[in-house]
Amino acid sequence: MSGRDIHAVPAYGRDYKSASAVKADWLAGKDFRCAVSGQYLSTRDPYPSQVEVWVRYAKLTKLVRVH
């Protein structure tokens, strides 16, 4: 992971059991929350290509890259 990473968690109390489910909802434009700032984010937000977005899932025990 680089210094230009964004770490997020599922919004609205959602959780996932698999990385593929996280990626599917990310690509579908569902909201996630930045783990640091609490700001909502999704695929509708523009991200520079060098920024990586990582999402925690499985009760925050696993991590998957979605962007």
PDB file of N, CA and C in Angstrom:
ATOM      1  N   MET A   1       0.838  -1.179   0.000  1.00  0.00           N
ATOM      2  CA  MET A   1       0.000   0.000   0.000  1.00  0.00           C
ATOM      3  C   MET A   1       0.881   1.241   0.000  1.00  0.00           C
ATOM      4  N   SER A   2       0.440   2.222  -0.723  1.00  0.00           N
ATOM      5  CA  SER A   2       1.221   3.450  -0.844  1.00  0.00           C
ATOM      6  C   SER A   2       0.674   4.534   0.074  1.00  0.00           C
ATOM      7  N   GLY A   3       1.304   5.701   0.045  1.00  0.00           N
ATOM      8  CA  GLY A   3       0.856   6.827   0.848  1.00  0.00           C
ATOM      9  C   GLY A   3      -0.370   7.504   0.277  1.00  0.00           C
ATOM     10  N   ARG A   4      -0.823   7.078  -0.887  1.00  0.00           N
ATOM     11  CA  ARG A   4      -1.981   7.687  -1.531  1.00  0.00           C
ATOM     12  C   ARG A   4      -3.183   6.744  -1.481  1.00  0.00           C
ATOM     13  N   ASP A   5      -3.292   6.005  -0.403  1.00  0.00           N
ATOM     14  CA  ASP A   5      -4.386   5.058  -0.233  1.00  0.00           C
ATOM     15  C   ASP A   5      -5.544   5.689   0.511  1.00  0.00           C
ATOM     16  N   ILE A   6      -6.748   5.221   0.187  1.00  0.00           N
ATOM     17  CA  ILE A   6      -7.950   5.563   0.935  1.00  0.00           C
ATOM     18  C   ILE A   6      -8.484   4.256   1.503  1.00  0.00           C
ATOM     19  N   HIS A   7      -8.694   4.225   2.800  1.00  0.00           N
ATOM     20  CA  HIS A   7      -9.263   3.042   3.447  1.00  0.00           C
ATOM     21  C   HIS A   7     -10.717   3.346   3.768  1.00  0.00           C
ATOM     22  N   ALA A   8     -11.599   2.420   3.397  1.00  0.00           N
ATOM     23  CA  ALA A   8     -13.031   2.634   3.571  1.00  0.00           C
ATOM     24  C   ALA A   8     -13.670   1.420   4.225  1.00  0.00           C
ATOM     25  N   VAL A   9     -14.877   1.644   4.714  1.00  0.00           N
ATOM     26  CA  VAL A   9     -15.706   0.584   5.278  1.00  0.00           C
ATOM     27  C   VAL A   9     -17.084   0.690   4.632  1.00  0.00           C
ATOM     28  N   PRO A  10     -17.847  -0.390   4.586  1.00  0.00           N
ATOM     29  CA  PRO A  10     -19.190  -0.316   4.016  1.00  0.00           C
ATOM     30  C   PRO A  10     -20.067   0.669   4.799  1.00  0.00           C
ATOM     31  N   ALA A  11     -20.886   1.408   4.093  1.00  0.00           N
ATOM     32  CA  ALA A  11     -21.777   2.392   4.726  1.00  0.00           C
ATOM     33  C   ALA A  11     -23.090   1.740   5.147  1.00  0.00           C
ATOM     34  N   TYR A  12     -23.801   2.422   6.015  1.00  0.00           N
ATOM     35  CA  TYR A  12     -25.159   2.054   6.433  1.00  0.00           C
ATOM     36  C   TYR A  12     -25.242   0.681   7.093  1.00  0.00           C
ATOM     37  N   GLY A  13     -24.171   0.272   7.777  1.00  0.00           N
ATOM     38  CA  GLY A  13     -24.191  -0.986   8.514  1.00  0.00           C
ATOM     39  C   GLY A  13     -24.005  -2.242   7.681  1.00  0.00           C
ATOM     40  N   ARG A  14     -23.731  -2.075   6.390  1.00  0.00           N
ATOM     41  CA  ARG A  14     -23.511  -3.259   5.551  1.00  0.00           C
ATOM     42  C   ARG A  14     -22.206  -3.943   5.936  1.00  0.00           C
ATOM     43  N   ASP A  15     -22.125  -5.235   5.657  1.00  0.00           N
ATOM     44  CA  ASP A  15     -20.894  -6.004   5.786  1.00  0.00           C
ATOM     45  C   ASP A  15     -20.909  -7.040   4.670  1.00  0.00           C
ATOM     46  N   TYR A  16     -19.768  -7.588   4.374  1.00  0.00           N
ATOM     47  CA  TYR A  16     -19.650  -8.544   3.273  1.00  0.00           C
ATOM     48  C   TYR A  16     -18.891  -9.765   3.747  1.00  0.00           C
ATOM     49  N   LYS A  17     -19.193 -10.906   3.128  1.00  0.00           N
ATOM     50  CA  LYS A  17     -18.492 -12.138   3.446  1.00  0.00           C
ATOM     51  C   LYS A  17     -17.401 -12.451   2.439  1.00  0.00           C
ATOM     52  N   SER A  18     -17.427 -11.782   1.268  1.00  0.00           N
ATOM     53  CA  SER A  18     -16.439 -12.082   0.236  1.00  0.00           C
ATOM     54  C   SER A  18     -15.948 -10.811  -0.451  1.00  0.00           C
ATOM     55  N   ALA A  19     -14.734 -10.887  -0.959  1.00  0.00           N
ATOM     56  CA  ALA A  19     -14.150  -9.770  -1.696  1.00  0.00           C
ATOM     57  C   ALA A  19     -14.941  -9.496  -2.969  1.00  0.00           C
ATOM     58  N   SER A  20     -15.449 -10.539  -3.603  1.00  0.00           N
ATOM     59  CA  SER A  20     -16.208 -10.347  -4.842  1.00  0.00           C
ATOM     60  C   SER A  20     -17.497  -9.572  -4.589  1.00  0.00           C
ATOM     61  N   ALA A  21     -18.121  -9.756  -3.439  1.00  0.00           N
ATOM     62  CA  ALA A  21     -19.333  -9.005  -3.104  1.00  0.00           C
ATOM     63  C   ALA A  21     -19.013  -7.533  -2.868  1.00  0.00           C
ATOM     64  N   VAL A  22     -17.871  -7.261  -2.225  1.00  0.00           N
ATOM     65  CA  VAL A  22     -17.440  -5.876  -2.019  1.00  0.00           C
ATOM     66  C   VAL A  22     -17.226  -5.203  -3.364  1.00  0.00           C
ATOM     67  N   LYS A  23     -16.480  -5.860  -4.249  1.00  0.00           N
ATOM     68  CA  LYS A  23     -16.178  -5.292  -5.565  1.00  0.00           C
ATOM     69  C   LYS A  23     -17.442  -5.065  -6.376  1.00  0.00           C
ATOM     70  N   ALA A  24     -18.387  -5.990  -6.295  1.00  0.00           N
ATOM     71  CA  ALA A  24     -19.639  -5.850  -7.050  1.00  0.00           C
ATOM     72  C   ALA A  24     -20.413  -4.617  -6.587  1.00  0.00           C
ATOM     73  N   ASP A  25     -20.502  -4.407  -5.284  1.00  0.00           N
ATOM     74  CA  ASP A  25     -21.216  -3.231  -4.776  1.00  0.00           C
ATOM     75  C   ASP A  25     -20.457  -1.945  -5.074  1.00  0.00           C
ATOM     76  N   TRP A  26     -19.129  -1.986  -5.034  1.00  0.00           N
ATOM     77  CA  TRP A  26     -18.332  -0.808  -5.397  1.00  0.00           C
ATOM     78  C   TRP A  26     -18.621  -0.430  -6.850  1.00  0.00           C
ATOM     79  N   LEU A  27     -18.570  -1.408  -7.743  1.00  0.00           N
ATOM     80  CA  LEU A  27     -18.824  -1.150  -9.163  1.00  0.00           C
ATOM     81  C   LEU A  27     -20.263  -0.736  -9.424  1.00  0.00           C
ATOM     82  N   ALA A  28     -21.178  -1.152  -8.556  1.00  0.00           N
ATOM     83  CA  ALA A  28     -22.593  -0.773  -8.688  1.00  0.00           C
ATOM     84  C   ALA A  28     -22.856   0.641  -8.168  1.00  0.00           C
ATOM     85  N   GLY A  29     -21.828   1.277  -7.581  1.00  0.00           N
ATOM     86  CA  GLY A  29     -21.977   2.653  -7.115  1.00  0.00           C
ATOM     87  C   GLY A  29     -22.523   2.812  -5.715  1.00  0.00           C
ATOM     88  N   LYS A  30     -22.526   1.739  -4.926  1.00  0.00           N
ATOM     89  CA  LYS A  30     -23.015   1.858  -3.541  1.00  0.00           C
ATOM     90  C   LYS A  30     -22.040   2.690  -2.711  1.00  0.00           C
ATOM     91  N   ASP A  31     -22.559   3.289  -1.644  1.00  0.00           N
ATOM     92  CA  ASP A  31     -21.755   4.148  -0.786  1.00  0.00           C
ATOM     93  C   ASP A  31     -20.895   3.349   0.182  1.00  0.00           C
ATOM     94  N   PHE A  32     -19.707   3.903   0.436  1.00  0.00           N
ATOM     95  CA  PHE A  32     -18.793   3.415   1.450  1.00  0.00           C
ATOM     96  C   PHE A  32     -18.377   4.641   2.251  1.00  0.00           C
ATOM     97  N   ARG A  33     -17.775   4.430   3.414  1.00  0.00           N
ATOM     98  CA  ARG A  33     -17.334   5.562   4.252  1.00  0.00           C
ATOM     99  C   ARG A  33     -15.830   5.491   4.445  1.00  0.00           C
ATOM    100  N   CYS A  34     -15.188   6.623   4.311  1.00  0.00           N
ATOM    101  CA  CYS A  34     -13.756   6.723   4.570  1.00  0.00           C
ATOM    102  C   CYS A  34     -13.521   6.377   6.035  1.00  0.00           C
ATOM    103  N   ALA A  35     -12.598   5.469   6.298  1.00  0.00           N
ATOM    104  CA  ALA A  35     -12.338   5.036   7.666  1.00  0.00           C
ATOM    105  C   ALA A  35     -11.725   6.144   8.514  1.00  0.00           C
ATOM    106  N   VAL A  36     -11.088   7.127   7.889  1.00  0.00           N
ATOM    107  CA  VAL A  36     -10.437   8.205   8.640  1.00  0.00           C
ATOM    108  C   VAL A  36     -11.364   9.396   8.839  1.00  0.00           C
ATOM    109  N   SER A  37     -11.920   9.909   7.731  1.00  0.00           N
ATOM    110  CA  SER A  37     -12.719  11.145   7.813  1.00  0.00           C
ATOM    111  C   SER A  37     -14.210  10.899   8.020  1.00  0.00           C
ATOM    112  N   GLY A  38     -14.694   9.701   7.695  1.00  0.00           N
ATOM    113  CA  GLY A  38     -16.120   9.416   7.791  1.00  0.00           C
ATOM    114  C   GLY A  38     -16.915   9.902   6.595  1.00  0.00           C
ATOM    115  N   GLN A  39     -16.244  10.511   5.619  1.00  0.00           N
ATOM    116  CA  GLN A  39     -16.900  11.015   4.422  1.00  0.00           C
ATOM    117  C   GLN A  39     -17.348   9.848   3.538  1.00  0.00           C
ATOM    118  N   TYR A  40     -18.524   9.994   2.933  1.00  0.00           N
ATOM    119  CA  TYR A  40     -19.023   8.971   2.027  1.00  0.00           C
ATOM    120  C   TYR A  40     -18.268   9.038   0.708  1.00  0.00           C
ATOM    121  N   LEU A  41     -18.068   7.870   0.091  1.00  0.00           N
ATOM    122  CA  LEU A  41     -17.418   7.812  -1.209  1.00  0.00           C
ATOM    123  C   LEU A  41     -17.963   6.647  -2.010  1.00  0.00           C
ATOM    124  N   SER A  42     -17.831   6.746  -3.324  1.00  0.00           N
ATOM    125  CA  SER A  42     -18.296   5.685  -4.221  1.00  0.00           C
ATOM    126  C   SER A  42     -17.613   5.858  -5.573  1.00  0.00           C
ATOM    127  N   THR A  43     -17.997   5.032  -6.523  1.00  0.00           N
ATOM    128  CA  THR A  43     -17.434   5.143  -7.872  1.00  0.00           C
ATOM    129  C   THR A  43     -17.882   6.423  -8.554  1.00  0.00           C
ATOM    130  N   ARG A  44     -18.889   7.091  -8.017  1.00  0.00           N
ATOM    131  CA  ARG A  44     -19.334   8.355  -8.611  1.00  0.00           C
ATOM    132  C   ARG A  44     -18.333   9.479  -8.351  1.00  0.00           C
ATOM    133  N   ASP A  45     -17.421   9.269  -7.401  1.00  0.00           N
ATOM    134  CA  ASP A  45     -16.413  10.271  -7.080  1.00  0.00           C
ATOM    135  C   ASP A  45     -15.173  10.055  -7.951  1.00  0.00           C
ATOM    136  N   PRO A  46     -14.593  11.150  -8.464  1.00  0.00           N
ATOM    137  CA  PRO A  46     -13.389  10.998  -9.292  1.00  0.00           C
ATOM    138  C   PRO A  46     -12.152  10.749  -8.427  1.00  0.00           C
ATOM    139  N   TYR A  47     -11.365   9.763  -8.794  1.00  0.00           N
ATOM    140  CA  TYR A  47     -10.119   9.470  -8.110  1.00  0.00           C
ATOM    141  C   TYR A  47      -8.997   9.438  -9.127  1.00  0.00           C
ATOM    142  N   PRO A  48      -7.867  10.080  -8.836  1.00  0.00           N
ATOM    143  CA  PRO A  48      -6.720   9.970  -9.738  1.00  0.00           C
ATOM    144  C   PRO A  48      -6.278   8.510  -9.847  1.00  0.00           C
ATOM    145  N   SER A  49      -5.706   8.144 -10.960  1.00  0.00           N
ATOM    146  CA  SER A  49      -5.331   6.750 -11.189  1.00  0.00           C
ATOM    147  C   SER A  49      -4.321   6.233 -10.171  1.00  0.00           C
ATOM    148  N   GLN A  50      -3.505   7.112  -9.589  1.00  0.00           N
ATOM    149  CA  GLN A  50      -2.501   6.660  -8.633  1.00  0.00           C
ATOM    150  C   GLN A  50      -3.061   6.437  -7.228  1.00  0.00           C
ATOM    151  N   VAL A  51      -4.302   6.827  -6.977  1.00  0.00           N
ATOM    152  CA  VAL A  51      -4.933   6.606  -5.670  1.00  0.00           C
ATOM    153  C   VAL A  51      -5.559   5.216  -5.646  1.00  0.00           C
ATOM    154  N   GLU A  52      -5.291   4.482  -4.576  1.00  0.00           N
ATOM    155  CA  GLU A  52      -5.895   3.164  -4.401  1.00  0.00           C
ATOM    156  C   GLU A  52      -6.945   3.239  -3.299  1.00  0.00           C
ATOM    157  N   VAL A  53      -8.091   2.618  -3.547  1.00  0.00           N
ATOM    158  CA  VAL A  53      -9.157   2.566  -2.537  1.00  0.00           C
ATOM    159  C   VAL A  53      -9.246   1.128  -2.036  1.00  0.00           C
ATOM    160  N   TRP A  54      -9.138   0.971  -0.729  1.00  0.00           N
ATOM    161  CA  TRP A  54      -9.195  -0.329  -0.070  1.00  0.00           C
ATOM    162  C   TRP A  54     -10.419  -0.359   0.839  1.00  0.00           C
ATOM    163  N   VAL A  55     -11.120  -1.491   0.857  1.00  0.00           N
ATOM    164  CA  VAL A  55     -12.325  -1.625   1.685  1.00  0.00           C
ATOM    165  C   VAL A  55     -12.137  -2.770   2.671  1.00  0.00           C
ATOM    166  N   ARG A  56     -12.452  -2.498   3.928  1.00  0.00           N
ATOM    167  CA  ARG A  56     -12.446  -3.539   4.964  1.00  0.00           C
ATOM    168  C   ARG A  56     -13.809  -4.229   4.957  1.00  0.00           C
ATOM    169  N   TYR A  57     -13.808  -5.533   5.157  1.00  0.00           N
ATOM    170  CA  TYR A  57     -15.054  -6.309   5.180  1.00  0.00           C
ATOM    171  C   TYR A  57     -14.878  -7.491   6.123  1.00  0.00           C
ATOM    172  N   ALA A  58     -15.874  -8.362   6.202  1.00  0.00           N
ATOM    173  CA  ALA A  58     -15.868  -9.518   7.114  1.00  0.00           C
ATOM    174  C   ALA A  58     -15.607  -9.048   8.548  1.00  0.00           C
ATOM    175  N   LYS A  59     -16.503  -8.163   9.011  1.00  0.00           N
ATOM    176  CA  LYS A  59     -16.400  -7.581  10.359  1.00  0.00           C
ATOM    177  C   LYS A  59     -15.059  -6.863  10.541  1.00  0.00           C
ATOM    178  N   LEU A  60     -14.637  -6.202   9.459  1.00  0.00           N
ATOM    179  CA  LEU A  60     -13.414  -5.380   9.425  1.00  0.00           C
ATOM    180  C   LEU A  60     -12.125  -6.179   9.583  1.00  0.00           C
ATOM    181  N   THR A  61     -12.160  -7.488   9.332  1.00  0.00           N
ATOM    182  CA  THR A  61     -10.968  -8.320   9.488  1.00  0.00           C
ATOM    183  C   THR A  61     -10.211  -8.545   8.193  1.00  0.00           C
ATOM    184  N   LYS A  62     -10.844  -8.264   7.042  1.00  0.00           N
ATOM    185  CA  LYS A  62     -10.205  -8.484   5.740  1.00  0.00           C
ATOM    186  C   LYS A  62     -10.181  -7.194   4.953  1.00  0.00           C
ATOM    187  N   LEU A  63      -9.314  -7.149   3.947  1.00  0.00           N
ATOM    188  CA  LEU A  63      -9.112  -5.941   3.171  1.00  0.00           C
ATOM    189  C   LEU A  63      -9.027  -6.302   1.696  1.00  0.00           C
ATOM    190  N   VAL A  64      -9.713  -5.521   0.840  1.00  0.00           N
ATOM    191  CA  VAL A  64      -9.676  -5.753  -0.599  1.00  0.00           C
ATOM    192  C   VAL A  64      -9.523  -4.418  -1.321  1.00  0.00           C
ATOM    193  N   ARG A  65      -8.738  -4.413  -2.391  1.00  0.00           N
ATOM    194  CA  ARG A  65      -8.559  -3.218  -3.213  1.00  0.00           C
ATOM    195  C   ARG A  65      -9.685  -3.161  -4.229  1.00  0.00           C
ATOM    196  N   VAL A  66     -10.388  -2.020  -4.299  1.00  0.00           N
ATOM    197  CA  VAL A  66     -11.500  -1.871  -5.242  1.00  0.00           C
ATOM    198  C   VAL A  66     -11.209  -0.856  -6.337  1.00  0.00           C
ATOM    199  N   HIS A  67     -10.182  -0.024  -6.144  1.00  0.00           N
ATOM    200  CA  HIS A  67      -9.804   0.969  -7.183  1.00  0.00           C
ATOM    201  C   HIS A  67      -8.322   1.179  -7.122  1.00  0.00           C
TER     202      HIS A  67
END
